[in-house]
Amino acid sequence: MNLGEKEVGMKKVTVLMLALCFLLTVPLMVGAQEIKQGGSMIVTYKDDVVTLDPAIGYDWQNWSMIKSLFSGLMDYKPGTTELTPDLAESYTISDDGLTYIFKLRKGVKFHNGRELTAEDIKYSLERTINPKTQSPGQGFYGMIKGFDELAGGKASSLSGITAVDKYTVRFDLSRRDATFLHVLGLNFGFAVPKEEVEKYGEDFGKNPVGTGAFYLKEWKLGQRVVFARYKDYHHKGIPRLDEVTFEIGQEPTVALLRLQRGEVDILGDGIPPARFVQIMQDEKWGKLVVEGGQLQTGYVSMNVKMKPFDNVKVRQAVNMAINKQRIVQIINNRAVVANQPLPPSMPGYDKNYKGYPFDPDKAKALLAEAGYPEGFETELYVMNVDPNPRIAQAIQQDLANIGIKAEIKNQSQGTVIAAGGEPDQAPMIWSGGMAWIADYPDPSNFYGPILGCGGAVVGGWNWAWYCNEEVEKMAVEADSMSEAGREEERIDLWRKTYLKIMEDAPWVPIFNEQRFTMHTERISGDPKLFVDPVHIPVNYENVYATDAK
């Protein structure tokens, strides 16, 4: 293929790395403190790591660990939701938004010493989409040509990815999709070396080889996982630490005591709930807790296909009936009150939108207007793990104050999810323990699976069974705005889309949980690194030890 001919008429997106390279090669300062190279830290976890295979791992514990071992074409600037090329040096997007061409960095090496090539990018994505891999991330790549054939087992390769030459990879999409660059920043598409995958087979997740800031030095099941600094990492000066040890089998309360004794540095599982208030009020220990937002929303869904929730005034009344601040207090103020589906740290969040006020009298009036002056009886499904039943009881009391008698259905997580996936089983669901956390920091991820028409199917996650054709058109239009220079217009359209959804009120957004990370004084860095919205729970590559030699 003649790449030059294909680039005619394409918009060039050039990434200048000079400033970044300068910052990473000179001594950095945080305040008056110099960032040092070297040292180590210990992170505790109660449970063992399931896998470190980027195509398979999909839980909050291994997410940032995998990011430390592997790299993708795209990544996010540390502590932010801002996209930036990683394995890619630059990229181009065609005028029609259907072709992306990436120029790879030269000299990037896997941990086994072999140089990364365009064929590795193609192989890694095909491996994730191949049904034999059984990757939970397969569906994210549906916009690439040939996806249906490969995912359906009818092809062995992906027609929409071409290794043009050693350092150039081309993607051809079947539809415009403004989320495509975000998708390339997901762990599922991170580069893996074919020879190592074939060598270890199903055990590759226990013997990971990537291009990340750290390499796996040791893994003793049930005891510890040790990462060591990869000296040939393609970002100079990163990681800051020489070694990170994840100690496994540590009960959170014991881990907290060990941190207070200086034996461990970060609580991977967070502060034990029973000690949270005490720690936060302590003059010494409270200063070592970093708080930040995360891309999460807890909500009550109302099934718009079931009476009386097919009436918008009923749904609006429920929005006004629930005292959200009281619910936040139930979880020791570890959240902020929500008034829209998007969390505050998500692009598209409307800071000026006030939402439905807590107004039981107005709620009663709306119920009367809807034809239910005496209220009605319904059911509220909830996951049966604390604090969710207590939250459900608070919601139940608030609804009773306006005449709605809600029977609480305490069920296992799987049972509640299954009930929500049926069109006529669960009138209301409190999403706690199952609440949505974004896969990537783009507003579209809060729509399609949980509020879009595509999610309103048997077994789906749109438990409100909400499907508004006007809203759907707005969402499709927003995601088709992939041209350079239309980012603000696209985000503004998403903002309007969610405000339209709130008029229809299929949800009662309750709260956005905050992240709280506790660390010792010897481990430092920009506070955003400890509550990184993409690296959960900590951006291990960029924090540093103040006592490094």
Protein backbone atom coordinates (compact mmCIF):
# COMPACT_ATOMS: atom_id res chain seq x y z
CA MET A 1 0.00 0.00 0.00
CA ASN A 2 1.24 3.46 -0.88
CA LEU A 3 0.76 5.38 2.35
CA GLY A 4 1.51 8.73 0.71
CA GLU A 5 -1.49 8.42 -1.58
CA LYS A 6 -3.78 7.61 1.32
CA GLU A 7 -2.67 10.66 3.30
CA VAL A 8 -3.84 13.10 0.63
CA GLY A 9 -6.59 15.28 2.10
CA MET A 10 -6.04 14.02 5.63
CA LYS A 11 -5.88 16.25 8.67
CA LYS A 12 -2.53 15.92 10.36
CA VAL A 13 -2.48 15.71 14.15
CA THR A 14 1.15 16.20 15.15
CA VAL A 15 2.33 15.50 18.65
CA LEU A 16 5.23 17.60 19.79
CA MET A 17 7.09 15.86 22.59
CA LEU A 18 9.92 18.36 23.16
CA ALA A 19 8.41 19.99 26.24
CA LEU A 20 7.50 16.65 27.75
CA CYS A 21 10.91 15.17 27.07
CA PHE A 22 12.51 18.22 28.72
CA LEU A 23 10.34 17.84 31.80
CA LEU A 24 11.14 14.16 32.13
CA THR A 25 14.90 14.55 31.82
CA VAL A 26 15.57 17.36 34.28
CA PRO A 27 15.08 17.26 38.06
CA LEU A 28 11.44 17.99 38.79
CA MET A 29 10.05 19.88 41.75
CA VAL A 30 6.73 19.55 43.55
CA GLY A 31 6.46 22.74 45.54
CA ALA A 32 9.96 23.06 46.96
CA GLN A 33 10.52 19.32 46.98
CA GLU A 34 12.70 17.61 44.39
CA ILE A 35 11.30 14.48 42.80
CA LYS A 36 13.85 11.75 43.37
CA GLN A 37 14.56 8.63 41.36
CA GLY A 38 14.76 5.32 43.19
CA GLY A 39 13.41 3.75 46.33
CA SER A 40 10.46 1.44 46.74
CA MET A 41 7.00 1.21 48.26
CA ILE A 42 4.61 -1.42 49.58
CA VAL A 43 0.91 -1.57 48.69
CA THR A 44 -1.50 -3.88 50.53
CA TYR A 45 -4.45 -5.86 49.19
CA LYS A 46 -6.72 -8.37 50.85
CA ASP A 47 -7.33 -10.48 47.75
CA ASP A 48 -4.86 -11.96 45.29
CA VAL A 49 -4.56 -10.63 41.76
CA VAL A 50 -6.59 -12.68 39.30
CA THR A 51 -4.62 -11.93 36.13
CA LEU A 52 -2.21 -9.41 34.65
CA ASP A 53 -3.21 -10.15 31.05
CA PRO A 54 -4.42 -6.85 29.53
CA ALA A 55 -6.95 -8.61 27.30
CA ILE A 56 -8.56 -10.33 30.31
CA GLY A 57 -8.10 -8.17 33.43
CA TYR A 58 -11.16 -6.06 34.19
CA ASP A 59 -11.37 -5.21 37.87
CA TRP A 60 -10.42 -2.16 39.90
CA GLN A 61 -7.47 -3.94 41.55
CA ASN A 62 -5.58 -5.10 38.47
CA TRP A 63 -6.54 -2.15 36.22
CA SER A 64 -3.68 0.18 37.18
CA MET A 65 -1.29 -2.73 37.75
CA ILE A 66 -1.78 -3.73 34.11
CA LYS A 67 -1.29 -0.09 33.07
CA SER A 68 2.09 -0.19 34.82
CA LEU A 69 3.21 -3.27 32.88
CA PHE A 70 1.78 -2.55 29.44
CA SER A 71 1.25 0.39 27.06
CA GLY A 72 -1.20 1.28 24.30
CA LEU A 73 -1.27 3.60 21.34
CA MET A 74 -3.00 6.19 23.52
CA ASP A 75 -2.89 7.02 27.23
CA TYR A 76 -3.93 9.81 29.58
CA LYS A 77 -1.79 12.53 31.07
CA PRO A 78 -1.08 11.55 34.71
CA GLY A 79 -3.89 12.50 37.08
CA THR A 80 -6.18 13.74 34.30
CA THR A 81 -8.69 12.57 31.69
CA GLU A 82 -6.71 14.25 28.88
CA LEU A 83 -5.76 11.90 26.05
CA THR A 84 -2.19 11.82 24.75
CA PRO A 85 -0.31 9.46 22.40
CA ASP A 86 1.87 6.84 24.06
CA LEU A 87 3.21 4.08 21.82
CA ALA A 88 2.15 6.35 18.98
CA GLU A 89 4.35 9.31 18.15
CA SER A 90 1.68 11.00 16.02
CA TYR A 91 -1.52 10.15 14.19
CA THR A 92 -3.67 11.36 11.31
CA ILE A 93 -7.45 11.26 10.90
CA SER A 94 -9.08 11.30 7.48
CA ASP A 95 -11.59 14.00 6.57
CA ASP A 96 -14.45 11.50 6.70
CA GLY A 97 -13.36 10.29 10.15
CA LEU A 98 -13.11 6.66 9.00
CA THR A 99 -9.34 6.22 8.69
CA TYR A 100 -6.74 6.63 11.44
CA ILE A 101 -3.03 6.24 10.74
CA PHE A 102 -0.57 6.00 13.63
CA LYS A 103 3.19 6.51 13.46
CA LEU A 104 4.83 4.46 16.21
CA ARG A 105 7.69 5.57 18.39
CA LYS A 106 10.90 3.95 17.26
CA GLY A 107 12.96 2.01 19.77
CA VAL A 108 10.12 0.99 22.11
CA LYS A 109 11.03 -2.37 23.60
CA PHE A 110 9.10 -5.16 25.23
CA HIS A 111 10.43 -6.41 28.55
CA ASN A 112 12.04 -9.33 26.68
CA GLY A 113 14.18 -6.83 24.75
CA ARG A 114 12.46 -7.07 21.35
CA GLU A 115 11.42 -3.86 19.59
CA LEU A 116 7.73 -3.10 19.20
CA THR A 117 6.39 -3.02 15.61
CA ALA A 118 3.09 -2.29 13.90
CA GLU A 119 2.46 -6.05 13.61
CA ASP A 120 2.39 -6.22 17.42
CA ILE A 121 -0.40 -3.63 17.54
CA LYS A 122 -2.40 -5.56 14.96
CA TYR A 123 -1.84 -8.88 16.72
CA SER A 124 -2.74 -7.54 20.17
CA LEU A 125 -6.09 -6.09 19.07
CA GLU A 126 -6.97 -9.16 17.02
CA ARG A 127 -6.18 -11.32 20.04
CA THR A 128 -8.61 -9.29 22.20
CA ILE A 129 -11.39 -9.45 19.60
CA ASN A 130 -10.86 -13.15 18.83
CA PRO A 131 -13.65 -15.06 20.63
CA LYS A 132 -11.15 -17.73 21.73
CA THR A 133 -9.55 -15.16 24.05
CA GLN A 134 -12.89 -14.52 25.78
CA SER A 135 -11.95 -10.92 26.49
CA PRO A 136 -14.53 -8.85 28.37
CA GLY A 137 -13.31 -5.89 26.31
CA GLN A 138 -14.11 -7.38 22.91
CA GLY A 139 -17.21 -5.24 22.29
CA PHE A 140 -15.36 -1.93 22.62
CA TYR A 141 -13.83 -2.39 19.16
CA GLY A 142 -17.04 -2.85 17.17
CA MET A 143 -16.37 0.23 15.03
CA ILE A 144 -13.33 -1.36 13.32
CA LYS A 145 -13.99 -2.92 9.92
CA GLY A 146 -14.06 -6.68 10.04
CA PHE A 147 -15.06 -6.77 13.71
CA ASP A 148 -18.21 -8.84 13.16
CA GLU A 149 -16.36 -11.44 11.10
CA LEU A 150 -13.53 -11.88 13.62
CA ALA A 151 -15.75 -11.70 16.71
CA GLY A 152 -18.15 -14.17 15.09
CA GLY A 153 -15.37 -16.67 14.39
CA LYS A 154 -15.71 -16.28 10.62
CA ALA A 155 -12.27 -14.70 10.14
CA SER A 156 -8.84 -15.07 11.72
CA SER A 157 -7.75 -11.46 11.28
CA LEU A 158 -9.21 -7.98 11.33
CA SER A 159 -9.59 -6.40 7.89
CA GLY A 160 -9.74 -2.91 9.43
CA ILE A 161 -6.17 -2.99 10.80
CA THR A 162 -3.15 -2.88 8.49
CA ALA A 163 0.53 -2.88 9.41
CA VAL A 164 1.60 -0.54 6.61
CA ASP A 165 5.26 -0.79 7.52
CA LYS A 166 7.34 -1.48 10.63
CA TYR A 167 6.31 1.74 12.35
CA THR A 168 2.94 2.55 10.77
CA VAL A 169 -0.45 1.06 11.56
CA ARG A 170 -3.69 1.96 9.80
CA PHE A 171 -7.25 1.58 11.13
CA ASP A 172 -10.31 1.64 8.86
CA LEU A 173 -13.62 2.09 10.65
CA SER A 174 -17.06 0.99 9.54
CA ARG A 175 -18.59 4.08 11.16
CA ARG A 176 -17.43 7.39 12.55
CA ASP A 177 -16.82 7.19 16.27
CA ALA A 178 -15.45 10.03 18.37
CA THR A 179 -14.62 7.62 21.18
CA PHE A 180 -12.13 5.65 19.09
CA LEU A 181 -9.02 7.26 20.57
CA HIS A 182 -10.35 6.60 24.08
CA VAL A 183 -10.93 2.98 23.13
CA LEU A 184 -7.28 2.71 22.06
CA GLY A 185 -6.34 3.87 25.56
CA LEU A 186 -8.14 0.94 27.20
CA ASN A 187 -6.03 -1.86 28.67
CA PHE A 188 -7.67 -4.44 26.39
CA GLY A 189 -5.77 -3.15 23.35
CA PHE A 190 -2.36 -2.77 24.99
CA ALA A 191 0.57 -4.28 23.12
CA VAL A 192 1.67 -7.84 23.88
CA PRO A 193 4.42 -9.88 22.16
CA LYS A 194 3.01 -12.83 20.22
CA GLU A 195 5.95 -15.09 21.05
CA GLU A 196 5.42 -14.66 24.81
CA VAL A 197 1.66 -15.20 24.57
CA GLU A 198 2.24 -18.41 22.60
CA LYS A 199 4.96 -19.49 25.02
CA TYR A 200 2.80 -19.21 28.14
CA GLY A 201 -0.67 -19.76 26.66
CA GLU A 202 -3.37 -19.38 29.30
CA ASP A 203 -0.65 -18.62 31.87
CA PHE A 204 0.40 -15.39 30.14
CA GLY A 205 -1.63 -13.50 32.75
CA LYS A 206 0.76 -14.87 35.38
CA ASN A 207 3.83 -14.23 33.21
CA PRO A 208 3.10 -10.84 31.65
CA VAL A 209 5.49 -9.22 29.20
CA GLY A 210 4.70 -5.71 28.01
CA THR A 211 6.29 -2.35 27.20
CA GLY A 212 5.28 -0.63 30.45
CA ALA A 213 7.15 1.32 33.10
CA PHE A 214 7.59 -1.77 35.29
CA TYR A 215 8.24 -5.45 34.60
CA LEU A 216 7.08 -8.37 36.74
CA LYS A 217 9.96 -9.38 38.99
CA GLU A 218 8.20 -11.86 41.27
CA TRP A 219 4.75 -13.34 41.93
CA LYS A 220 4.16 -15.65 44.85
CA LEU A 221 0.48 -16.54 44.83
CA GLY A 222 -1.31 -15.47 47.98
CA GLN A 223 1.75 -13.60 49.26
CA ARG A 224 3.11 -10.85 47.05
CA VAL A 225 3.55 -9.43 43.57
CA VAL A 226 6.71 -7.41 42.90
CA PHE A 227 7.21 -4.91 40.06
CA ALA A 228 10.66 -3.57 39.17
CA ARG A 229 11.57 -0.47 37.14
CA TYR A 230 12.05 -1.17 33.44
CA LYS A 231 15.22 0.73 32.57
CA ASP A 232 14.45 0.77 28.82
CA TYR A 233 10.98 2.29 29.26
CA HIS A 234 10.24 4.73 26.45
CA HIS A 235 9.43 7.65 28.80
CA LYS A 236 12.73 8.74 30.30
CA GLY A 237 12.75 9.27 34.06
CA ILE A 238 9.65 7.12 34.55
CA PRO A 239 8.89 5.30 36.74
CA ARG A 240 10.18 7.23 39.73
CA LEU A 241 10.37 4.18 41.98
CA ASP A 242 12.74 1.26 41.49
CA GLU A 243 10.32 -1.26 42.94
CA VAL A 244 6.71 -1.70 44.03
CA THR A 245 5.62 -4.64 46.18
CA PHE A 246 1.96 -5.60 46.44
CA GLU A 247 1.44 -7.59 49.63
CA ILE A 248 -1.52 -9.95 49.37
CA GLY A 249 -3.77 -11.31 52.12
CA GLN A 250 -3.76 -8.14 54.22
CA GLU A 251 -7.02 -7.45 56.04
CA PRO A 252 -7.77 -3.71 55.68
CA THR A 253 -7.77 -3.09 59.44
CA VAL A 254 -4.40 -4.82 59.84
CA ALA A 255 -3.05 -2.97 56.82
CA LEU A 256 -4.06 0.35 58.39
CA LEU A 257 -2.20 -0.47 61.61
CA ARG A 258 0.87 -1.44 59.60
CA LEU A 259 0.73 1.82 57.65
CA GLN A 260 0.56 3.75 60.91
CA ARG A 261 3.66 1.86 62.05
CA GLY A 262 5.44 2.75 58.79
CA GLU A 263 5.55 -0.85 57.54
CA VAL A 264 3.49 -0.30 54.39
CA ASP A 265 2.93 2.78 52.22
CA ILE A 266 -0.49 2.63 50.53
CA LEU A 267 -3.78 0.95 51.45
CA GLY A 268 -4.87 -0.66 48.20
CA ASP A 269 -8.32 -1.50 49.60
CA GLY A 270 -8.78 1.95 51.10
CA ILE A 271 -9.50 3.01 54.66
CA PRO A 272 -11.61 0.48 56.58
CA PRO A 273 -15.16 1.93 56.85
CA ALA A 274 -15.25 1.41 60.62
CA ARG A 275 -12.14 3.59 61.01
CA PHE A 276 -12.91 6.18 58.34
CA VAL A 277 -14.36 8.96 60.53
CA GLN A 278 -11.65 8.50 63.16
CA ILE A 279 -8.86 8.71 60.57
CA MET A 280 -10.32 11.74 58.80
CA GLN A 281 -10.68 13.63 62.10
CA ASP A 282 -7.20 12.73 63.31
CA GLU A 283 -4.80 15.67 63.04
CA LYS A 284 -1.89 13.49 61.98
CA TRP A 285 -3.43 10.74 59.86
CA GLY A 286 -6.10 12.83 58.18
CA LYS A 287 -3.35 14.81 56.43
CA LEU A 288 -2.17 11.62 54.73
CA VAL A 289 -5.51 10.99 53.02
CA VAL A 290 -6.04 12.29 49.49
CA GLU A 291 -9.62 12.81 48.34
CA GLY A 292 -10.71 13.03 44.73
CA GLY A 293 -13.62 12.43 42.41
CA GLN A 294 -14.07 9.31 40.37
CA LEU A 295 -16.12 8.59 37.27
CA GLN A 296 -18.96 6.94 39.20
CA THR A 297 -22.66 7.58 39.81
CA GLY A 298 -24.98 5.74 42.19
CA TYR A 299 -28.63 6.00 41.18
CA VAL A 300 -32.18 4.68 41.54
CA SER A 301 -33.59 3.45 38.24
CA MET A 302 -37.33 3.52 37.52
CA ASN A 303 -38.68 1.12 34.92
CA VAL A 304 -40.50 3.37 32.43
CA LYS A 305 -42.25 0.32 30.94
CA MET A 306 -44.03 -0.49 34.20
CA LYS A 307 -46.90 1.47 35.75
CA PRO A 308 -46.87 3.94 37.39
CA PHE A 309 -43.33 4.78 36.28
CA ASP A 310 -44.49 5.15 32.70
CA ASN A 311 -45.72 8.58 33.87
CA VAL A 312 -42.99 11.22 33.82
CA LYS A 313 -44.61 13.18 36.65
CA VAL A 314 -44.34 10.14 38.91
CA ARG A 315 -40.64 9.83 38.09
CA GLN A 316 -40.09 13.53 38.71
CA ALA A 317 -41.93 13.22 42.04
CA VAL A 318 -39.59 10.43 43.14
CA ASN A 319 -36.63 12.66 42.23
CA MET A 320 -37.97 15.32 44.61
CA ALA A 321 -38.84 12.89 47.39
CA ILE A 322 -35.40 11.44 48.19
CA ASN A 323 -33.12 13.19 50.65
CA LYS A 324 -29.76 12.58 48.98
CA GLN A 325 -27.72 14.41 51.60
CA ARG A 326 -28.98 12.05 54.28
CA ILE A 327 -27.89 9.08 52.16
CA VAL A 328 -24.41 10.60 51.77
CA GLN A 329 -24.24 10.85 55.56
CA ILE A 330 -25.06 7.14 55.85
CA ILE A 331 -21.78 6.39 54.07
CA ASN A 332 -19.80 8.82 56.24
CA ASN A 333 -19.80 11.58 53.61
CA ARG A 334 -17.66 9.52 51.26
CA ALA A 335 -19.57 10.95 48.29
CA VAL A 336 -21.04 14.14 46.91
CA VAL A 337 -24.71 14.59 46.07
CA ALA A 338 -25.49 13.90 42.40
CA ASN A 339 -28.04 15.76 40.29
CA GLN A 340 -27.37 14.30 36.81
CA PRO A 341 -26.11 11.02 35.34
CA LEU A 342 -22.55 12.27 34.68
CA PRO A 343 -20.13 12.61 37.61
CA PRO A 344 -18.48 16.02 38.17
CA SER A 345 -15.08 14.95 36.80
CA MET A 346 -16.55 13.72 33.50
CA PRO A 347 -16.42 15.97 30.42
CA GLY A 348 -19.97 17.13 29.69
CA TYR A 349 -20.98 17.53 33.31
CA ASP A 350 -23.13 20.68 33.62
CA LYS A 351 -21.89 22.67 36.62
CA ASN A 352 -24.80 25.11 36.33
CA TYR A 353 -27.54 22.48 36.40
CA LYS A 354 -29.22 22.31 39.82
CA GLY A 355 -31.33 19.19 39.27
CA TYR A 356 -34.52 18.36 41.12
CA PRO A 357 -34.72 19.92 44.59
CA PHE A 358 -35.52 17.90 47.68
CA ASP A 359 -39.15 19.00 48.04
CA PRO A 360 -41.61 16.40 49.45
CA ASP A 361 -44.57 18.82 49.19
CA LYS A 362 -43.92 19.43 45.49
CA ALA A 363 -43.45 15.68 45.04
CA LYS A 364 -46.90 15.02 46.55
CA ALA A 365 -48.44 17.63 44.26
CA LEU A 366 -46.87 15.96 41.21
CA LEU A 367 -48.19 12.57 42.29
CA ALA A 368 -51.68 14.05 42.54
CA GLU A 369 -51.32 15.58 39.07
CA ALA A 370 -50.29 12.17 37.77
CA GLY A 371 -53.43 10.59 39.21
CA TYR A 372 -51.94 9.12 42.39
CA PRO A 373 -53.03 11.46 45.20
CA GLU A 374 -52.84 8.61 47.73
CA GLY A 375 -49.58 7.23 46.38
CA PHE A 376 -49.10 3.60 45.32
CA GLU A 377 -47.26 0.38 46.16
CA THR A 378 -44.06 -0.74 44.44
CA GLU A 379 -40.81 -2.68 44.94
CA LEU A 380 -37.24 -1.50 45.38
CA TYR A 381 -34.52 -4.01 44.51
CA VAL A 382 -31.19 -3.69 46.28
CA MET A 383 -27.95 -5.64 46.56
CA ASN A 384 -27.83 -7.29 49.99
CA VAL A 385 -24.35 -6.09 51.04
CA ASP A 386 -23.86 -3.25 53.53
CA PRO A 387 -24.35 -0.30 53.27
CA ASN A 388 -26.84 -0.85 50.44
CA PRO A 389 -29.73 -2.24 52.54
CA ARG A 390 -29.42 0.75 54.88
CA ILE A 391 -29.49 3.13 51.92
CA ALA A 392 -32.56 1.35 50.57
CA GLN A 393 -34.30 1.78 53.93
CA ALA A 394 -33.61 5.53 53.83
CA ILE A 395 -35.09 5.70 50.32
CA GLN A 396 -38.06 3.65 51.50
CA GLN A 397 -38.74 6.12 54.33
CA ASP A 398 -38.52 9.11 51.99
CA LEU A 399 -40.94 7.52 49.54
CA ALA A 400 -43.35 6.68 52.36
CA ASN A 401 -43.44 10.37 53.27
CA ILE A 402 -45.15 11.11 49.95
CA GLY A 403 -47.41 8.06 50.02
CA ILE A 404 -45.32 5.55 48.06
CA LYS A 405 -45.04 2.20 49.84
CA ALA A 406 -41.92 0.48 48.53
CA GLU A 407 -41.20 -3.11 49.53
CA ILE A 408 -37.46 -3.71 49.70
CA LYS A 409 -36.17 -6.74 47.81
CA ASN A 410 -32.75 -7.59 49.30
CA GLN A 411 -31.07 -9.87 46.77
CA SER A 412 -27.61 -11.02 45.69
CA GLN A 413 -25.84 -8.87 43.13
CA GLY A 414 -26.45 -11.36 40.33
CA THR A 415 -30.15 -11.64 41.15
CA VAL A 416 -30.64 -7.86 41.11
CA ILE A 417 -28.78 -7.52 37.82
CA ALA A 418 -30.87 -10.29 36.30
CA ALA A 419 -34.09 -8.65 37.51
CA GLY A 420 -33.06 -5.34 35.98
CA GLY A 421 -32.45 -7.10 32.69
CA GLU A 422 -36.09 -8.20 32.46
CA PRO A 423 -38.64 -5.69 31.09
CA ASP A 424 -41.32 -6.26 33.73
CA GLN A 425 -39.65 -7.50 36.90
CA ALA A 426 -37.93 -4.68 38.80
CA PRO A 427 -39.91 -1.40 39.10
CA MET A 428 -37.06 0.31 40.99
CA ILE A 429 -33.41 -0.59 41.60
CA TRP A 430 -30.85 1.02 43.88
CA SER A 431 -27.61 0.57 41.95
CA GLY A 432 -25.28 0.55 44.96
CA GLY A 433 -22.56 -2.09 44.69
CA MET A 434 -23.31 -2.25 40.97
CA ALA A 435 -23.22 1.48 40.19
CA TRP A 436 -21.66 2.56 36.95
CA ILE A 437 -17.98 3.45 36.80
CA ALA A 438 -16.82 4.70 33.42
CA ASP A 439 -14.59 2.45 31.33
CA TYR A 440 -13.06 5.57 29.82
CA PRO A 441 -13.49 9.29 30.51
CA ASP A 442 -15.99 10.13 27.79
CA PRO A 443 -19.66 11.02 28.33
CA SER A 444 -20.85 8.46 25.78
CA ASN A 445 -19.87 5.64 28.14
CA PHE A 446 -22.58 6.75 30.57
CA TYR A 447 -25.24 6.58 27.88
CA GLY A 448 -25.12 3.57 25.57
CA PRO A 449 -25.00 0.69 28.08
CA ILE A 450 -27.23 2.15 30.81
CA LEU A 451 -29.51 4.79 29.27
CA GLY A 452 -29.45 4.13 25.52
CA CYS A 453 -31.90 2.11 23.46
CA GLY A 454 -29.22 -0.50 22.82
CA GLY A 455 -29.03 -1.26 26.55
CA ALA A 456 -32.81 -1.61 26.91
CA VAL A 457 -32.77 -5.30 26.02
CA VAL A 458 -33.18 -8.53 27.93
CA GLY A 459 -30.02 -9.03 29.95
CA GLY A 460 -28.96 -5.42 29.41
CA TRP A 461 -27.88 -2.80 31.93
CA ASN A 462 -30.50 -0.17 31.06
CA TRP A 463 -32.65 -1.08 34.05
CA ALA A 464 -34.93 1.91 33.48
CA TRP A 465 -35.77 0.47 30.05
CA TYR A 466 -35.52 4.05 28.86
CA CYS A 467 -35.44 4.62 25.10
CA ASN A 468 -36.15 8.11 23.79
CA GLU A 469 -35.71 8.36 20.00
CA GLU A 470 -34.94 12.09 20.15
CA VAL A 471 -32.26 11.52 22.78
CA GLU A 472 -30.89 8.58 20.79
CA LYS A 473 -30.46 10.80 17.72
CA MET A 474 -28.61 13.36 19.82
CA ALA A 475 -26.29 10.66 21.16
CA VAL A 476 -25.58 9.24 17.70
CA GLU A 477 -24.87 12.72 16.36
CA ALA A 478 -22.53 13.47 19.27
CA ASP A 479 -20.47 10.34 18.71
CA SER A 480 -20.24 11.00 14.98
CA MET A 481 -18.41 14.30 15.66
CA SER A 482 -14.93 12.86 15.31
CA GLU A 483 -13.43 15.72 13.30
CA ALA A 484 -10.66 17.78 14.84
CA GLY A 485 -11.93 21.07 16.19
CA ARG A 486 -15.40 19.82 17.08
CA GLU A 487 -14.55 18.53 20.55
CA GLU A 488 -16.26 21.39 22.41
CA GLU A 489 -19.32 21.18 20.16
CA ARG A 490 -19.54 17.43 20.79
CA ILE A 491 -19.21 17.74 24.56
CA ASP A 492 -21.84 20.50 24.57
CA LEU A 493 -24.23 18.23 22.68
CA TRP A 494 -23.65 15.48 25.24
CA ARG A 495 -24.35 18.03 27.99
CA LYS A 496 -27.69 18.87 26.38
CA THR A 497 -28.42 15.17 25.91
CA TYR A 498 -28.12 14.44 29.62
CA LEU A 499 -30.23 17.46 30.56
CA LYS A 500 -32.91 16.13 28.20
CA ILE A 501 -32.65 12.76 29.95
CA MET A 502 -33.14 14.47 33.30
CA GLU A 503 -36.37 16.04 31.99
CA ASP A 504 -37.60 12.51 31.34
CA ALA A 505 -36.27 11.46 34.78
CA PRO A 506 -35.69 7.71 34.28
CA TRP A 507 -33.17 7.88 37.15
CA VAL A 508 -32.78 9.51 40.50
CA PRO A 509 -29.03 10.27 40.59
CA ILE A 510 -28.12 9.91 44.28
CA PHE A 511 -24.40 10.42 44.75
CA ASN A 512 -20.96 10.37 43.17
CA GLU A 513 -18.58 8.40 45.36
CA GLN A 514 -15.30 10.06 46.21
CA ARG A 515 -11.96 8.29 46.24
CA PHE A 516 -9.90 8.33 49.43
CA THR A 517 -6.31 7.10 49.24
CA MET A 518 -4.13 6.94 52.34
CA HIS A 519 -0.34 6.88 52.05
CA THR A 520 2.70 7.39 54.23
CA GLU A 521 4.68 10.63 54.29
CA ARG A 522 7.63 9.03 52.51
CA ILE A 523 5.58 8.44 49.35
CA SER A 524 4.74 11.68 47.59
CA GLY A 525 3.66 13.26 44.32
CA ASP A 526 0.94 15.43 42.86
CA PRO A 527 -2.22 14.65 44.88
CA LYS A 528 -4.01 13.86 41.60
CA LEU A 529 -1.77 10.81 41.21
CA PHE A 530 -3.28 9.20 44.30
CA VAL A 531 -6.84 9.61 43.03
CA ASP A 532 -6.08 9.33 39.31
CA PRO A 533 -9.40 9.04 37.43
CA VAL A 534 -7.95 6.46 35.04
CA HIS A 535 -5.35 4.63 37.15
CA ILE A 536 -7.31 3.07 40.00
CA PRO A 537 -6.38 3.29 42.81
CA VAL A 538 -2.96 4.94 42.26
CA ASN A 539 -0.75 6.03 39.38
CA TYR A 540 2.16 3.82 40.41
CA GLU A 541 4.54 5.09 37.71
CA ASN A 542 4.60 8.72 38.81
CA VAL A 543 4.59 8.74 42.62
CA TYR A 544 8.01 8.81 44.26
CA ALA A 545 9.87 8.13 47.51
CA THR A 546 11.10 11.19 49.38
CA ASP A 547 13.83 9.14 51.06
CA ALA A 548 15.30 7.79 47.81
CA LYS A 549 19.10 7.93 47.86
